[in-house]
Amino acid sequence: MAADKVKFAEFLASKKLDPRRVLAASHKLETLQREDRGIKLAKRSKGEGDDKKTKETRKPRSGRPVTPRAIDAALRGGTVSGPTKTPILRAVNLLLEQKKQEKVDLKQIF
């Protein structure tokens, strides 16, 4: 499939977004932080006989940013799995928010 017919590539071109910035934004969003490690620790230690004193409702970051291979596949029209599309969407929305533009949903870019 030609690059000009791919919906994701057309979207990035129309919004003037650089794929390298999408990678950097994804890395910033998905990298584990101190509070994420605390959430995971609390979840692991909860199974040791606690009487459900504290129930953790927050969800930690995945720790897996978008890879250059995934961005390349999305730009060329290759197959991109659903769990890979979600971090791409979050990164694109972060960049759009920085440009003071409206956020998009998954159907608009894929």
C-alpha atoms as a PDB file:
ATOM      1  CA  MET A   1       0.000   0.000   0.000  1.00  0.00           C
ATOM      2  CA  ALA A   2       1.387   3.429  -0.883  1.00  0.00           C
ATOM      3  CA  ALA A   3       2.328   5.769   1.948  1.00  0.00           C
ATOM      4  CA  ASP A   4      -0.030   8.478   0.680  1.00  0.00           C
ATOM      5  CA  LYS A   5      -3.032   6.164   1.091  1.00  0.00           C
ATOM      6  CA  VAL A   6      -2.347   5.223   4.717  1.00  0.00           C
ATOM      7  CA  LYS A   7      -4.709   6.931   7.122  1.00  0.00           C
ATOM      8  CA  PHE A   8      -2.140   7.320   9.929  1.00  0.00           C
ATOM      9  CA  ALA A   9       0.486   8.850   7.604  1.00  0.00           C
ATOM     10  CA  GLU A  10      -2.085  11.254   6.163  1.00  0.00           C
ATOM     11  CA  PHE A  11      -3.175  12.263   9.661  1.00  0.00           C
ATOM     12  CA  LEU A  12       0.387  13.001  10.790  1.00  0.00           C
ATOM     13  CA  ALA A  13       1.018  15.021   7.632  1.00  0.00           C
ATOM     14  CA  SER A  14      -2.201  17.021   7.997  1.00  0.00           C
ATOM     15  CA  LYS A  15      -1.492  17.868  11.649  1.00  0.00           C
ATOM     16  CA  LYS A  16       2.217  18.486  10.920  1.00  0.00           C
ATOM     17  CA  LEU A  17       3.422  15.931  13.459  1.00  0.00           C
ATOM     18  CA  ASP A  18       6.825  14.283  13.201  1.00  0.00           C
ATOM     19  CA  PRO A  19       6.941  10.504  13.857  1.00  0.00           C
ATOM     20  CA  ARG A  20      10.089  11.036  15.937  1.00  0.00           C
ATOM     21  CA  ARG A  21       8.127  13.325  18.248  1.00  0.00           C
ATOM     22  CA  VAL A  22       5.473  10.616  18.585  1.00  0.00           C
ATOM     23  CA  LEU A  23       8.216   8.217  19.709  1.00  0.00           C
ATOM     24  CA  ALA A  24       9.584  10.729  22.216  1.00  0.00           C
ATOM     25  CA  ALA A  25       6.125  11.539  23.587  1.00  0.00           C
ATOM     26  CA  SER A  26       5.345   7.850  23.979  1.00  0.00           C
ATOM     27  CA  HIS A  27       8.589   7.302  25.856  1.00  0.00           C
ATOM     28  CA  LYS A  28       7.722  10.188  28.178  1.00  0.00           C
ATOM     29  CA  LEU A  29       4.208   8.861  28.811  1.00  0.00           C
ATOM     30  CA  GLU A  30       4.908   5.164  29.190  1.00  0.00           C
ATOM     31  CA  THR A  31       8.166   5.100  31.163  1.00  0.00           C
ATOM     32  CA  LEU A  32       7.696   3.727  34.660  1.00  0.00           C
ATOM     33  CA  GLN A  33       7.838   6.338  37.403  1.00  0.00           C
ATOM     34  CA  ARG A  34       8.366   5.948  41.129  1.00  0.00           C
ATOM     35  CA  GLU A  35       4.611   5.939  41.879  1.00  0.00           C
ATOM     36  CA  ASP A  36       4.039   3.207  39.260  1.00  0.00           C
ATOM     37  CA  ARG A  37       6.577   0.979  40.950  1.00  0.00           C
ATOM     38  CA  GLY A  38       4.841   1.679  44.283  1.00  0.00           C
ATOM     39  CA  ILE A  39       1.499   0.626  42.833  1.00  0.00           C
ATOM     40  CA  LYS A  40       2.987  -2.614  41.537  1.00  0.00           C
ATOM     41  CA  LEU A  41       4.665  -3.288  44.891  1.00  0.00           C
ATOM     42  CA  ALA A  42       1.410  -2.703  46.768  1.00  0.00           C
ATOM     43  CA  LYS A  43      -0.390  -5.058  44.409  1.00  0.00           C
ATOM     44  CA  ARG A  44       2.228  -7.787  44.931  1.00  0.00           C
ATOM     45  CA  SER A  45       2.342  -7.419  48.704  1.00  0.00           C
ATOM     46  CA  LYS A  46      -1.464  -7.305  49.002  1.00  0.00           C
ATOM     47  CA  GLY A  47      -1.674 -11.052  48.380  1.00  0.00           C
ATOM     48  CA  GLU A  48       0.250 -11.834  51.571  1.00  0.00           C
ATOM     49  CA  GLY A  49      -2.790 -11.948  53.862  1.00  0.00           C
ATOM     50  CA  ASP A  50      -3.952  -8.340  54.091  1.00  0.00           C
ATOM     51  CA  ASP A  51      -7.627  -7.969  54.917  1.00  0.00           C
ATOM     52  CA  LYS A  52      -8.281  -5.718  51.940  1.00  0.00           C
ATOM     53  CA  LYS A  53      -7.309  -2.667  54.008  1.00  0.00           C
ATOM     54  CA  THR A  54      -6.218  -0.636  51.042  1.00  0.00           C
ATOM     55  CA  LYS A  55      -7.564  -1.292  47.609  1.00  0.00           C
ATOM     56  CA  GLU A  56      -5.452   0.243  44.863  1.00  0.00           C
ATOM     57  CA  THR A  57      -7.616   1.738  42.131  1.00  0.00           C
ATOM     58  CA  ARG A  58      -4.908   3.483  40.134  1.00  0.00           C
ATOM     59  CA  LYS A  59      -3.333   1.670  37.235  1.00  0.00           C
ATOM     60  CA  PRO A  60       0.429   1.914  36.648  1.00  0.00           C
ATOM     61  CA  ARG A  61       1.954   2.898  33.331  1.00  0.00           C
ATOM     62  CA  SER A  62       2.812   0.028  31.041  1.00  0.00           C
ATOM     63  CA  GLY A  63       6.531   0.717  30.904  1.00  0.00           C
ATOM     64  CA  ARG A  64       6.502  -0.099  27.187  1.00  0.00           C
ATOM     65  CA  PRO A  65       6.737   2.893  24.869  1.00  0.00           C
ATOM     66  CA  VAL A  66       6.030   2.694  21.153  1.00  0.00           C
ATOM     67  CA  THR A  67       8.911   1.269  19.158  1.00  0.00           C
ATOM     68  CA  PRO A  68      10.291   2.706  15.911  1.00  0.00           C
ATOM     69  CA  ARG A  69       9.288  -0.549  14.227  1.00  0.00           C
ATOM     70  CA  ALA A  70       5.645  -0.081  15.273  1.00  0.00           C
ATOM     71  CA  ILE A  71       5.585   3.524  14.021  1.00  0.00           C
ATOM     72  CA  ASP A  72       7.147   2.431  10.738  1.00  0.00           C
ATOM     73  CA  ALA A  73       4.531  -0.302  10.314  1.00  0.00           C
ATOM     74  CA  ALA A  74       1.725   2.171  11.038  1.00  0.00           C
ATOM     75  CA  LEU A  75       3.115   4.675   8.537  1.00  0.00           C
ATOM     76  CA  ARG A  76       3.493   2.053   5.804  1.00  0.00           C
ATOM     77  CA  GLY A  77       0.073   0.513   6.365  1.00  0.00           C
ATOM     78  CA  GLY A  78       1.293  -2.723   7.910  1.00  0.00           C
ATOM     79  CA  THR A  79      -0.505  -4.607  10.624  1.00  0.00           C
ATOM     80  CA  VAL A  80      -0.446  -2.947  14.040  1.00  0.00           C
ATOM     81  CA  SER A  81      -2.005  -4.719  17.003  1.00  0.00           C
ATOM     82  CA  GLY A  82      -4.614  -3.108  19.202  1.00  0.00           C
ATOM     83  CA  PRO A  83      -2.370  -2.919  22.285  1.00  0.00           C
ATOM     84  CA  THR A  84       0.203  -1.081  20.135  1.00  0.00           C
ATOM     85  CA  LYS A  85      -2.317   1.386  18.712  1.00  0.00           C
ATOM     86  CA  THR A  86      -3.315   2.634  22.170  1.00  0.00           C
ATOM     87  CA  PRO A  87       0.098   4.069  23.172  1.00  0.00           C
ATOM     88  CA  ILE A  88       0.409   5.616  19.704  1.00  0.00           C
ATOM     89  CA  LEU A  89      -2.962   7.299  20.246  1.00  0.00           C
ATOM     90  CA  ARG A  90      -1.933   8.581  23.692  1.00  0.00           C
ATOM     91  CA  ALA A  91       1.297  10.028  22.287  1.00  0.00           C
ATOM     92  CA  VAL A  92      -0.495  11.695  19.362  1.00  0.00           C
ATOM     93  CA  ASN A  93      -3.071  13.182  21.731  1.00  0.00           C
ATOM     94  CA  LEU A  94      -0.298  14.566  23.941  1.00  0.00           C
ATOM     95  CA  LEU A  95       1.285  16.274  20.940  1.00  0.00           C
ATOM     96  CA  LEU A  96      -2.064  17.652  19.793  1.00  0.00           C
ATOM     97  CA  GLU A  97      -2.719  18.965  23.296  1.00  0.00           C
ATOM     98  CA  GLN A  98       0.648  20.756  23.223  1.00  0.00           C
ATOM     99  CA  LYS A  99      -0.370  22.374  19.932  1.00  0.00           C
ATOM    100  CA  LYS A 100      -3.715  23.377  21.513  1.00  0.00           C
ATOM    101  CA  GLN A 101      -5.697  21.224  19.102  1.00  0.00           C
ATOM    102  CA  GLU A 102      -8.542  18.814  19.772  1.00  0.00           C
ATOM    103  CA  LYS A 103      -7.818  15.272  20.855  1.00  0.00           C
ATOM    104  CA  VAL A 104      -8.703  12.465  18.464  1.00  0.00           C
ATOM    105  CA  ASP A 105      -9.965   8.948  18.910  1.00  0.00           C
ATOM    106  CA  LEU A 106      -8.592   5.703  17.543  1.00  0.00           C
ATOM    107  CA  LYS A 107     -10.909   5.551  14.509  1.00  0.00           C
ATOM    108  CA  GLN A 108      -9.669   8.892  13.220  1.00  0.00           C
ATOM    109  CA  ILE A 109      -6.038   7.812  12.946  1.00  0.00           C
ATOM    110  CA  PHE A 110      -6.344   4.084  12.132  1.00  0.00           C
END
